[in-house]
PDB file of all heavy atoms in Angstrom:
ATOM      1  N   GLY A   1      54.945 -11.535 -84.456  1.00  0.00           N
ATOM      2  CA  GLY A   1      53.570 -11.055 -84.289  1.00  0.00           C
ATOM      3  C   GLY A   1      53.376 -10.124 -83.124  1.00  0.00           C
ATOM      4  O   GLY A   1      52.341  -9.456 -83.046  1.00  0.00           O
ATOM      5  N   ASP A   2      54.330 -10.053 -82.218  1.00  0.00           N
ATOM      6  CA  ASP A   2      54.242  -9.177 -81.063  1.00  0.00           C
ATOM      7  C   ASP A   2      54.531  -7.743 -81.431  1.00  0.00           C
ATOM      8  O   ASP A   2      54.947  -7.431 -82.550  1.00  0.00           O
ATOM      9  CB  ASP A   2      55.204  -9.642 -79.969  1.00  0.00           C
ATOM     10  CG  ASP A   2      54.730 -10.895 -79.263  1.00  0.00           C
ATOM     11  OD1 ASP A   2      53.605 -11.336 -79.498  1.00  0.00           O
ATOM     12  OD2 ASP A   2      55.518 -11.435 -78.457  1.00  0.00           O
ATOM     13  N   SER A   3      54.347  -6.865 -80.453  1.00  0.00           N
ATOM     14  CA  SER A   3      54.614  -5.448 -80.613  1.00  0.00           C
ATOM     15  C   SER A   3      55.583  -4.950 -79.567  1.00  0.00           C
ATOM     16  O   SER A   3      55.685  -5.491 -78.475  1.00  0.00           O
ATOM     17  CB  SER A   3      53.321  -4.638 -80.509  1.00  0.00           C
ATOM     18  OG  SER A   3      52.394  -4.975 -81.523  1.00  0.00           O
ATOM     19  N   LEU A   4      56.314  -3.893 -79.918  1.00  0.00           N
ATOM     20  CA  LEU A   4      57.215  -3.215 -79.015  1.00  0.00           C
ATOM     21  C   LEU A   4      57.140  -1.710 -79.297  1.00  0.00           C
ATOM     22  O   LEU A   4      56.871  -1.319 -80.436  1.00  0.00           O
ATOM     23  CB  LEU A   4      58.661  -3.668 -79.196  1.00  0.00           C
ATOM     24  CG  LEU A   4      59.132  -4.934 -78.535  1.00  0.00           C
ATOM     25  CD1 LEU A   4      60.583  -5.224 -78.971  1.00  0.00           C
ATOM     26  CD2 LEU A   4      59.041  -4.858 -77.018  1.00  0.00           C
ATOM     27  N   ARG A   5      57.379  -0.945 -78.264  1.00  0.00           N
ATOM     28  CA  ARG A   5      57.522   0.492 -78.437  1.00  0.00           C
ATOM     29  C   ARG A   5      58.882   0.918 -77.921  1.00  0.00           C
ATOM     30  O   ARG A   5      59.175   0.792 -76.730  1.00  0.00           O
ATOM     31  CB  ARG A   5      56.432   1.286 -77.722  1.00  0.00           C
ATOM     32  CG  ARG A   5      56.471   2.775 -78.062  1.00  0.00           C
ATOM     33  CD  ARG A   5      55.416   3.593 -77.336  1.00  0.00           C
ATOM     34  NE  ARG A   5      55.720   3.770 -75.933  1.00  0.00           N
ATOM     35  CZ  ARG A   5      55.163   4.687 -75.169  1.00  0.00           C
ATOM     36  NH1 ARG A   5      54.255   5.515 -75.676  1.00  0.00           N
ATOM     37  NH2 ARG A   5      55.488   4.769 -73.889  1.00  0.00           N
ATOM     38  N   LEU A   6      59.711   1.399 -78.824  1.00  0.00           N
ATOM     39  CA  LEU A   6      61.010   1.909 -78.451  1.00  0.00           C
ATOM     40  C   LEU A   6      60.907   3.402 -78.103  1.00  0.00           C
ATOM     41  O   LEU A   6      60.097   4.121 -78.667  1.00  0.00           O
ATOM     42  CB  LEU A   6      62.020   1.754 -79.589  1.00  0.00           C
ATOM     43  CG  LEU A   6      62.198   0.341 -80.149  1.00  0.00           C
ATOM     44  CD1 LEU A   6      63.268   0.351 -81.225  1.00  0.00           C
ATOM     45  CD2 LEU A   6      62.526  -0.644 -79.050  1.00  0.00           C
ATOM     46  N   SER A   7      61.727   3.808 -77.161  1.00  0.00           N
ATOM     47  CA  SER A   7      61.772   5.196 -76.741  1.00  0.00           C
ATOM     48  C   SER A   7      63.186   5.728 -76.871  1.00  0.00           C
ATOM     49  O   SER A   7      64.149   4.995 -76.697  1.00  0.00           O
ATOM     50  CB  SER A   7      61.315   5.372 -75.286  1.00  0.00           C
ATOM     51  OG  SER A   7      59.979   4.955 -75.114  1.00  0.00           O
ATOM     52  N   CYS A   8      63.287   7.001 -77.188  1.00  0.00           N
ATOM     53  CA  CYS A   8      64.572   7.669 -77.258  1.00  0.00           C
ATOM     54  C   CYS A   8      64.470   8.964 -76.466  1.00  0.00           C
ATOM     55  O   CYS A   8      63.771   9.871 -76.890  1.00  0.00           O
ATOM     56  CB  CYS A   8      64.975   7.950 -78.713  1.00  0.00           C
ATOM     57  SG  CYS A   8      66.466   8.947 -78.897  1.00  0.00           S
ATOM     58  N   ALA A   9      65.133   9.007 -75.337  1.00  0.00           N
ATOM     59  CA  ALA A   9      65.133  10.197 -74.503  1.00  0.00           C
ATOM     60  C   ALA A   9      66.308  11.083 -74.903  1.00  0.00           C
ATOM     61  O   ALA A   9      67.444  10.636 -74.928  1.00  0.00           O
ATOM     62  CB  ALA A   9      65.260   9.811 -73.031  1.00  0.00           C
ATOM     63  N   ALA A  10      66.026  12.316 -75.222  1.00  0.00           N
ATOM     64  CA  ALA A  10      67.008  13.252 -75.733  1.00  0.00           C
ATOM     65  C   ALA A  10      67.301  14.357 -74.737  1.00  0.00           C
ATOM     66  O   ALA A  10      66.380  15.040 -74.285  1.00  0.00           O
ATOM     67  CB  ALA A  10      66.559  13.853 -77.051  1.00  0.00           C
ATOM     68  N   SER A  11      68.558  14.517 -74.390  1.00  0.00           N
ATOM     69  CA  SER A  11      68.970  15.629 -73.540  1.00  0.00           C
ATOM     70  C   SER A  11      69.392  16.776 -74.433  1.00  0.00           C
ATOM     71  O   SER A  11      70.581  17.067 -74.586  1.00  0.00           O
ATOM     72  CB  SER A  11      70.079  15.210 -72.590  1.00  0.00           C
ATOM     73  OG  SER A  11      71.220  14.751 -73.319  1.00  0.00           O
ATOM     74  N   ILE A  12      68.414  17.399 -75.036  1.00  0.00           N
ATOM     75  CA  ILE A  12      68.627  18.515 -75.955  1.00  0.00           C
ATOM     76  C   ILE A  12      67.763  19.694 -75.483  1.00  0.00           C
ATOM     77  O   ILE A  12      66.553  19.532 -75.331  1.00  0.00           O
ATOM     78  CB  ILE A  12      68.241  18.151 -77.411  1.00  0.00           C
ATOM     79  CG1 ILE A  12      69.005  16.901 -77.865  1.00  0.00           C
ATOM     80  CG2 ILE A  12      68.509  19.319 -78.342  1.00  0.00           C
ATOM     81  CD1 ILE A  12      68.596  16.418 -79.224  1.00  0.00           C
ATOM     82  N   ARG A  13      68.396  20.815 -75.306  1.00  0.00           N
ATOM     83  CA  ARG A  13      67.666  21.985 -74.813  1.00  0.00           C
ATOM     84  C   ARG A  13      66.543  22.386 -75.763  1.00  0.00           C
ATOM     85  O   ARG A  13      65.431  22.705 -75.315  1.00  0.00           O
ATOM     86  CB  ARG A  13      68.615  23.152 -74.581  1.00  0.00           C
ATOM     87  CG  ARG A  13      67.916  24.420 -74.101  1.00  0.00           C
ATOM     88  CD  ARG A  13      68.874  25.571 -73.974  1.00  0.00           C
ATOM     89  NE  ARG A  13      69.886  25.353 -72.970  1.00  0.00           N
ATOM     90  CZ  ARG A  13      70.806  26.223 -72.646  1.00  0.00           C
ATOM     91  NH1 ARG A  13      70.853  27.414 -73.243  1.00  0.00           N
ATOM     92  NH2 ARG A  13      71.706  25.923 -71.716  1.00  0.00           N
ATOM     93  N   THR A  14      66.851  22.378 -77.043  1.00  0.00           N
ATOM     94  CA  THR A  14      65.874  22.777 -78.057  1.00  0.00           C
ATOM     95  C   THR A  14      65.433  21.556 -78.847  1.00  0.00           C
ATOM     96  O   THR A  14      65.511  21.531 -80.067  1.00  0.00           O
ATOM     97  CB  THR A  14      66.452  23.856 -78.973  1.00  0.00           C
ATOM     98  OG1 THR A  14      67.681  23.346 -79.563  1.00  0.00           O
ATOM     99  CG2 THR A  14      66.756  25.114 -78.196  1.00  0.00           C
ATOM    100  N   PHE A  15      64.921  20.558 -78.141  1.00  0.00           N
ATOM    101  CA  PHE A  15      64.547  19.304 -78.769  1.00  0.00           C
ATOM    102  C   PHE A  15      63.550  19.506 -79.904  1.00  0.00           C
ATOM    103  O   PHE A  15      63.618  18.836 -80.929  1.00  0.00           O
ATOM    104  CB  PHE A  15      63.961  18.360 -77.711  1.00  0.00           C
ATOM    105  CG  PHE A  15      63.408  17.085 -78.271  1.00  0.00           C
ATOM    106  CD1 PHE A  15      64.267  16.070 -78.692  1.00  0.00           C
ATOM    107  CD2 PHE A  15      62.052  16.888 -78.395  1.00  0.00           C
ATOM    108  CE1 PHE A  15      63.757  14.902 -79.205  1.00  0.00           C
ATOM    109  CE2 PHE A  15      61.522  15.706 -78.906  1.00  0.00           C
ATOM    110  CZ  PHE A  15      62.391  14.711 -79.331  1.00  0.00           C
ATOM    111  N   SER A  16      62.605  20.405 -79.716  1.00  0.00           N
ATOM    112  CA  SER A  16      61.573  20.624 -80.702  1.00  0.00           C
ATOM    113  C   SER A  16      62.106  21.124 -82.030  1.00  0.00           C
ATOM    114  O   SER A  16      61.417  21.052 -83.041  1.00  0.00           O
ATOM    115  CB  SER A  16      60.503  21.587 -80.175  1.00  0.00           C
ATOM    116  OG  SER A  16      61.066  22.847 -79.903  1.00  0.00           O
ATOM    117  N   SER A  17      63.334  21.629 -82.039  1.00  0.00           N
ATOM    118  CA  SER A  17      63.921  22.146 -83.266  1.00  0.00           C
ATOM    119  C   SER A  17      64.732  21.094 -84.023  1.00  0.00           C
ATOM    120  O   SER A  17      65.278  21.388 -85.084  1.00  0.00           O
ATOM    121  CB  SER A  17      64.823  23.340 -82.971  1.00  0.00           C
ATOM    122  OG  SER A  17      65.969  22.947 -82.237  1.00  0.00           O
ATOM    123  N   TYR A  18      64.802  19.892 -83.487  1.00  0.00           N
ATOM    124  CA  TYR A  18      65.579  18.823 -84.108  1.00  0.00           C
ATOM    125  C   TYR A  18      64.709  17.862 -84.903  1.00  0.00           C
ATOM    126  O   TYR A  18      63.599  17.536 -84.472  1.00  0.00           O
ATOM    127  CB  TYR A  18      66.362  18.041 -83.062  1.00  0.00           C
ATOM    128  CG  TYR A  18      67.649  18.710 -82.633  1.00  0.00           C
ATOM    129  CD1 TYR A  18      67.619  19.829 -81.801  1.00  0.00           C
ATOM    130  CD2 TYR A  18      68.873  18.242 -83.079  1.00  0.00           C
ATOM    131  CE1 TYR A  18      68.792  20.449 -81.416  1.00  0.00           C
ATOM    132  CE2 TYR A  18      70.038  18.862 -82.691  1.00  0.00           C
ATOM    133  CZ  TYR A  18      70.005  19.954 -81.861  1.00  0.00           C
ATOM    134  OH  TYR A  18      71.178  20.570 -81.487  1.00  0.00           O
ATOM    135  N   ASN A  19      65.261  17.425 -86.007  1.00  0.00           N
ATOM    136  CA  ASN A  19      64.668  16.327 -86.746  1.00  0.00           C
ATOM    137  C   ASN A  19      65.209  15.011 -86.184  1.00  0.00           C
ATOM    138  O   ASN A  19      66.404  14.870 -85.954  1.00  0.00           O
ATOM    139  CB  ASN A  19      65.033  16.427 -88.222  1.00  0.00           C
ATOM    140  CG  ASN A  19      64.517  17.722 -88.843  1.00  0.00           C
ATOM    141  OD1 ASN A  19      63.328  17.904 -89.021  1.00  0.00           O
ATOM    142  ND2 ASN A  19      65.449  18.616 -89.178  1.00  0.00           N
ATOM    143  N   MET A  20      64.331  14.067 -85.957  1.00  0.00           N
ATOM    144  CA  MET A  20      64.688  12.826 -85.320  1.00  0.00           C
ATOM    145  C   MET A  20      64.459  11.632 -86.240  1.00  0.00           C
ATOM    146  O   MET A  20      63.614  11.692 -87.145  1.00  0.00           O
ATOM    147  CB  MET A  20      63.886  12.638 -84.044  1.00  0.00           C
ATOM    148  CG  MET A  20      63.954  13.797 -83.060  1.00  0.00           C
ATOM    149  SD  MET A  20      65.636  14.066 -82.409  1.00  0.00           S
ATOM    150  CE  MET A  20      65.910  12.518 -81.529  1.00  0.00           C
ATOM    151  N   ALA A  21      65.172  10.550 -85.979  1.00  0.00           N
ATOM    152  CA  ALA A  21      65.055   9.391 -86.826  1.00  0.00           C
ATOM    153  C   ALA A  21      65.421   8.122 -86.073  1.00  0.00           C
ATOM    154  O   ALA A  21      66.098   8.164 -85.041  1.00  0.00           O
ATOM    155  CB  ALA A  21      65.916   9.517 -88.078  1.00  0.00           C
ATOM    156  N   TRP A  22      64.981   7.014 -86.628  1.00  0.00           N
ATOM    157  CA  TRP A  22      65.385   5.687 -86.169  1.00  0.00           C
ATOM    158  C   TRP A  22      66.092   4.957 -87.304  1.00  0.00           C
ATOM    159  O   TRP A  22      65.630   4.982 -88.454  1.00  0.00           O
ATOM    160  CB  TRP A  22      64.193   4.858 -85.713  1.00  0.00           C
ATOM    161  CG  TRP A  22      63.577   5.300 -84.410  1.00  0.00           C
ATOM    162  CD1 TRP A  22      62.511   6.108 -84.225  1.00  0.00           C
ATOM    163  CD2 TRP A  22      64.015   4.908 -83.102  1.00  0.00           C
ATOM    164  NE1 TRP A  22      62.253   6.261 -82.905  1.00  0.00           N
ATOM    165  CE2 TRP A  22      63.143   5.524 -82.173  1.00  0.00           C
ATOM    166  CE3 TRP A  22      65.043   4.079 -82.594  1.00  0.00           C
ATOM    167  CZ2 TRP A  22      63.285   5.385 -80.791  1.00  0.00           C
ATOM    168  CZ3 TRP A  22      65.169   3.928 -81.241  1.00  0.00           C
ATOM    169  CH2 TRP A  22      64.311   4.564 -80.353  1.00  0.00           C
ATOM    170  N   PHE A  23      67.189   4.310 -86.956  1.00  0.00           N
ATOM    171  CA  PHE A  23      67.890   3.436 -87.865  1.00  0.00           C
ATOM    172  C   PHE A  23      68.034   2.076 -87.193  1.00  0.00           C
ATOM    173  O   PHE A  23      67.853   1.942 -85.987  1.00  0.00           O
ATOM    174  CB  PHE A  23      69.294   3.973 -88.193  1.00  0.00           C
ATOM    175  CG  PHE A  23      69.292   5.206 -89.038  1.00  0.00           C
ATOM    176  CD1 PHE A  23      68.954   6.438 -88.518  1.00  0.00           C
ATOM    177  CD2 PHE A  23      69.623   5.137 -90.394  1.00  0.00           C
ATOM    178  CE1 PHE A  23      68.944   7.594 -89.303  1.00  0.00           C
ATOM    179  CE2 PHE A  23      69.635   6.269 -91.184  1.00  0.00           C
ATOM    180  CZ  PHE A  23      69.295   7.489 -90.646  1.00  0.00           C
ATOM    181  N   ARG A  24      68.398   1.072 -87.956  1.00  0.00           N
ATOM    182  CA  ARG A  24      68.635  -0.240 -87.382  1.00  0.00           C
ATOM    183  C   ARG A  24      69.770  -0.930 -88.116  1.00  0.00           C
ATOM    184  O   ARG A  24      70.040  -0.655 -89.281  1.00  0.00           O
ATOM    185  CB  ARG A  24      67.392  -1.128 -87.396  1.00  0.00           C
ATOM    186  CG  ARG A  24      66.925  -1.538 -88.787  1.00  0.00           C
ATOM    187  CD  ARG A  24      65.609  -2.315 -88.694  1.00  0.00           C
ATOM    188  NE  ARG A  24      65.152  -2.789 -89.983  1.00  0.00           N
ATOM    189  CZ  ARG A  24      64.009  -3.421 -90.187  1.00  0.00           C
ATOM    190  NH1 ARG A  24      63.185  -3.653 -89.169  1.00  0.00           N
ATOM    191  NH2 ARG A  24      63.674  -3.804 -91.415  1.00  0.00           N
ATOM    192  N   GLN A  25      70.421  -1.841 -87.430  1.00  0.00           N
ATOM    193  CA  GLN A  25      71.510  -2.599 -88.023  1.00  0.00           C
ATOM    194  C   GLN A  25      71.424  -4.038 -87.540  1.00  0.00           C
ATOM    195  O   GLN A  25      71.561  -4.315 -86.367  1.00  0.00           O
ATOM    196  CB  GLN A  25      72.861  -1.992 -87.651  1.00  0.00           C
ATOM    197  CG  GLN A  25      74.031  -2.653 -88.361  1.00  0.00           C
ATOM    198  CD  GLN A  25      75.306  -1.859 -88.229  1.00  0.00           C
ATOM    199  OE1 GLN A  25      75.461  -1.052 -87.302  1.00  0.00           O
ATOM    200  NE2 GLN A  25      76.242  -2.078 -89.129  1.00  0.00           N
ATOM    201  N   ALA A  26      71.211  -4.928 -88.479  1.00  0.00           N
ATOM    202  CA  ALA A  26      71.165  -6.348 -88.205  1.00  0.00           C
ATOM    203  C   ALA A  26      72.566  -6.930 -88.335  1.00  0.00           C
ATOM    204  O   ALA A  26      73.433  -6.349 -88.982  1.00  0.00           O
ATOM    205  CB  ALA A  26      70.198  -7.063 -89.167  1.00  0.00           C
ATOM    206  N   PRO A  27      72.803  -8.099 -87.734  1.00  0.00           N
ATOM    207  CA  PRO A  27      74.123  -8.717 -87.847  1.00  0.00           C
ATOM    208  C   PRO A  27      74.536  -8.908 -89.308  1.00  0.00           C
ATOM    209  O   PRO A  27      73.735  -9.362 -90.130  1.00  0.00           O
ATOM    210  CB  PRO A  27      73.934 -10.068 -87.149  1.00  0.00           C
ATOM    211  CG  PRO A  27      72.831  -9.814 -86.159  1.00  0.00           C
ATOM    212  CD  PRO A  27      71.903  -8.865 -86.854  1.00  0.00           C
ATOM    213  N   GLU A  28      75.761  -8.527 -89.607  1.00  0.00           N
ATOM    214  CA  GLU A  28      76.329  -8.695 -90.938  1.00  0.00           C
ATOM    215  C   GLU A  28      75.601  -7.899 -92.007  1.00  0.00           C
ATOM    216  O   GLU A  28      75.702  -8.210 -93.195  1.00  0.00           O
ATOM    217  CB  GLU A  28      76.409 -10.162 -91.327  1.00  0.00           C
ATOM    218  CG  GLU A  28      77.214 -11.020 -90.344  1.00  0.00           C
ATOM    219  CD  GLU A  28      77.299 -12.457 -90.766  1.00  0.00           C
ATOM    220  OE1 GLU A  28      76.580 -12.877 -91.702  1.00  0.00           O
ATOM    221  OE2 GLU A  28      78.119 -13.195 -90.172  1.00  0.00           O
ATOM    222  N   LYS A  29      74.870  -6.877 -91.617  1.00  0.00           N
ATOM    223  CA  LYS A  29      74.199  -6.001 -92.563  1.00  0.00           C
ATOM    224  C   LYS A  29      74.562  -4.564 -92.268  1.00  0.00           C
ATOM    225  O   LYS A  29      74.983  -4.213 -91.174  1.00  0.00           O
ATOM    226  CB  LYS A  29      72.690  -6.191 -92.486  1.00  0.00           C
ATOM    227  CG  LYS A  29      72.187  -7.538 -92.926  1.00  0.00           C
ATOM    228  CD  LYS A  29      70.681  -7.630 -92.885  1.00  0.00           C
ATOM    229  CE  LYS A  29      70.036  -6.676 -93.858  1.00  0.00           C
ATOM    230  NZ  LYS A  29      68.541  -6.777 -93.867  1.00  0.00           N
ATOM    231  N   GLU A  30      74.366  -3.702 -93.268  1.00  0.00           N
ATOM    232  CA  GLU A  30      74.625  -2.295 -93.095  1.00  0.00           C
ATOM    233  C   GLU A  30      73.505  -1.628 -92.303  1.00  0.00           C
ATOM    234  O   GLU A  30      72.368  -2.114 -92.296  1.00  0.00           O
ATOM    235  CB  GLU A  30      74.775  -1.615 -94.465  1.00  0.00           C
ATOM    236  CG  GLU A  30      75.954  -2.111 -95.273  1.00  0.00           C
ATOM    237  CD  GLU A  30      76.061  -1.399 -96.599  1.00  0.00           C
ATOM    238  OE1 GLU A  30      75.132  -0.648 -96.959  1.00  0.00           O
ATOM    239  OE2 GLU A  30      77.075  -1.590 -97.288  1.00  0.00           O
ATOM    240  N   ARG A  31      73.827  -0.539 -91.663  1.00  0.00           N
ATOM    241  CA  ARG A  31      72.814   0.214 -90.962  1.00  0.00           C
ATOM    242  C   ARG A  31      71.836   0.793 -91.986  1.00  0.00           C
ATOM    243  O   ARG A  31      72.249   1.338 -93.005  1.00  0.00           O
ATOM    244  CB  ARG A  31      73.456   1.322 -90.134  1.00  0.00           C
ATOM    245  CG  ARG A  31      72.485   2.096 -89.275  1.00  0.00           C
ATOM    246  CD  ARG A  31      73.217   3.043 -88.315  1.00  0.00           C
ATOM    247  NE  ARG A  31      74.082   2.299 -87.406  1.00  0.00           N
ATOM    248  CZ  ARG A  31      74.751   2.865 -86.424  1.00  0.00           C
ATOM    249  NH1 ARG A  31      74.664   4.178 -86.191  1.00  0.00           N
ATOM    250  NH2 ARG A  31      75.541   2.139 -85.642  1.00  0.00           N
ATOM    251  N   GLU A  32      70.548   0.687 -91.687  1.00  0.00           N
ATOM    252  CA  GLU A  32      69.535   1.148 -92.610  1.00  0.00           C
ATOM    253  C   GLU A  32      68.551   2.085 -91.954  1.00  0.00           C
ATOM    254  O   GLU A  32      68.274   1.974 -90.747  1.00  0.00           O
ATOM    255  CB  GLU A  32      68.781  -0.044 -93.241  1.00  0.00           C
ATOM    256  CG  GLU A  32      67.959  -0.846 -92.253  1.00  0.00           C
ATOM    257  CD  GLU A  32      67.157  -1.947 -92.924  1.00  0.00           C
ATOM    258  OE1 GLU A  32      67.126  -2.001 -94.150  1.00  0.00           O
ATOM    259  OE2 GLU A  32      66.569  -2.774 -92.179  1.00  0.00           O
ATOM    260  N   PHE A  33      68.013   2.949 -92.753  1.00  0.00           N
ATOM    261  CA  PHE A  33      67.012   3.909 -92.289  1.00  0.00           C
ATOM    262  C   PHE A  33      65.698   3.194 -91.992  1.00  0.00           C
ATOM    263  O   PHE A  33      65.267   2.314 -92.742  1.00  0.00           O
ATOM    264  CB  PHE A  33      66.803   4.978 -93.361  1.00  0.00           C
ATOM    265  CG  PHE A  33      65.615   5.868 -93.121  1.00  0.00           C
ATOM    266  CD1 PHE A  33      65.690   6.917 -92.211  1.00  0.00           C
ATOM    267  CD2 PHE A  33      64.416   5.645 -93.800  1.00  0.00           C
ATOM    268  CE1 PHE A  33      64.608   7.734 -92.001  1.00  0.00           C
ATOM    269  CE2 PHE A  33      63.335   6.474 -93.583  1.00  0.00           C
ATOM    270  CZ  PHE A  33      63.423   7.527 -92.676  1.00  0.00           C
ATOM    271  N   VAL A  34      65.052   3.572 -90.915  1.00  0.00           N
ATOM    272  CA  VAL A  34      63.773   2.991 -90.533  1.00  0.00           C
ATOM    273  C   VAL A  34      62.653   4.017 -90.635  1.00  0.00           C
ATOM    274  O   VAL A  34      61.642   3.785 -91.327  1.00  0.00           O
ATOM    275  CB  VAL A  34      63.806   2.420 -89.111  1.00  0.00           C
ATOM    276  CG1 VAL A  34      62.433   1.905 -88.696  1.00  0.00           C
ATOM    277  CG2 VAL A  34      64.841   1.292 -89.019  1.00  0.00           C
ATOM    278  N   ALA A  35      62.803   5.135 -89.964  1.00  0.00           N
ATOM    279  CA  ALA A  35      61.758   6.150 -89.951  1.00  0.00           C
ATOM    280  C   ALA A  35      62.325   7.476 -89.476  1.00  0.00           C
ATOM    281  O   ALA A  35      63.341   7.503 -88.789  1.00  0.00           O
ATOM    282  CB  ALA A  35      60.589   5.716 -89.049  1.00  0.00           C
ATOM    283  N   ALA A  36      61.649   8.547 -89.837  1.00  0.00           N
ATOM    284  CA  ALA A  36      62.074   9.885 -89.418  1.00  0.00           C
ATOM    285  C   ALA A  36      60.868  10.749 -89.158  1.00  0.00           C
ATOM    286  O   ALA A  36      59.783  10.529 -89.725  1.00  0.00           O
ATOM    287  CB  ALA A  36      62.955  10.522 -90.501  1.00  0.00           C
ATOM    288  N   ILE A  37      61.060  11.726 -88.288  1.00  0.00           N
ATOM    289  CA  ILE A  37      60.007  12.688 -88.002  1.00  0.00           C
ATOM    290  C   ILE A  37      60.638  14.063 -87.892  1.00  0.00           C
ATOM    291  O   ILE A  37      61.648  14.256 -87.230  1.00  0.00           O
ATOM    292  CB  ILE A  37      59.242  12.315 -86.709  1.00  0.00           C
ATOM    293  CG1 ILE A  37      58.081  13.273 -86.475  1.00  0.00           C
ATOM    294  CG2 ILE A  37      60.181  12.230 -85.511  1.00  0.00           C
ATOM    295  CD1 ILE A  37      57.095  12.776 -85.416  1.00  0.00           C
ATOM    296  N   SER A  38      60.047  15.024 -88.581  1.00  0.00           N
ATOM    297  CA  SER A  38      60.604  16.370 -88.608  1.00  0.00           C
ATOM    298  C   SER A  38      60.172  17.156 -87.382  1.00  0.00           C
ATOM    299  O   SER A  38      59.363  16.718 -86.578  1.00  0.00           O
ATOM    300  CB  SER A  38      60.139  17.092 -89.883  1.00  0.00           C
ATOM    301  OG  SER A  38      58.785  17.467 -89.765  1.00  0.00           O
ATOM    302  N   ARG A  39      60.737  18.341 -87.279  1.00  0.00           N
ATOM    303  CA  ARG A  39      60.381  19.208 -86.170  1.00  0.00           C
ATOM    304  C   ARG A  39      58.923  19.639 -86.204  1.00  0.00           C
ATOM    305  O   ARG A  39      58.365  20.020 -85.162  1.00  0.00           O
ATOM    306  CB  ARG A  39      61.299  20.425 -86.159  1.00  0.00           C
ATOM    307  CG  ARG A  39      61.085  21.377 -87.320  1.00  0.00           C
ATOM    308  CD  ARG A  39      62.198  22.380 -87.424  1.00  0.00           C
ATOM    309  NE  ARG A  39      63.415  21.748 -87.903  1.00  0.00           N
ATOM    310  CZ  ARG A  39      64.594  22.346 -87.915  1.00  0.00           C
ATOM    311  NH1 ARG A  39      64.734  23.577 -87.474  1.00  0.00           N
ATOM    312  NH2 ARG A  39      65.668  21.696 -88.370  1.00  0.00           N
ATOM    313  N   THR A  40      58.313  19.562 -87.366  1.00  0.00           N
ATOM    314  CA  THR A  40      56.936  19.942 -87.526  1.00  0.00           C
ATOM    315  C   THR A  40      55.981  18.746 -87.473  1.00  0.00           C
ATOM    316  O   THR A  40      54.767  18.919 -87.584  1.00  0.00           O
ATOM    317  CB  THR A  40      56.716  20.705 -88.852  1.00  0.00           C
ATOM    318  OG1 THR A  40      57.114  19.887 -89.941  1.00  0.00           O
ATOM    319  CG2 THR A  40      57.527  21.984 -88.849  1.00  0.00           C
ATOM    320  N   GLY A  41      56.522  17.548 -87.329  1.00  0.00           N
ATOM    321  CA  GLY A  41      55.694  16.368 -87.201  1.00  0.00           C
ATOM    322  C   GLY A  41      55.501  15.559 -88.458  1.00  0.00           C
ATOM    323  O   GLY A  41      54.784  14.538 -88.431  1.00  0.00           O
TER     324      GLY A  41
END
């Protein structure tokens, strides 16, 4: 029931030109897609 905010700090010169995403991997499970955001939002 609680909330968390994860952050990802990127050392990329042209960060705004990159598409970004979050994935997750639970124990004994495959890595799965969570969310993505394009360079345009």
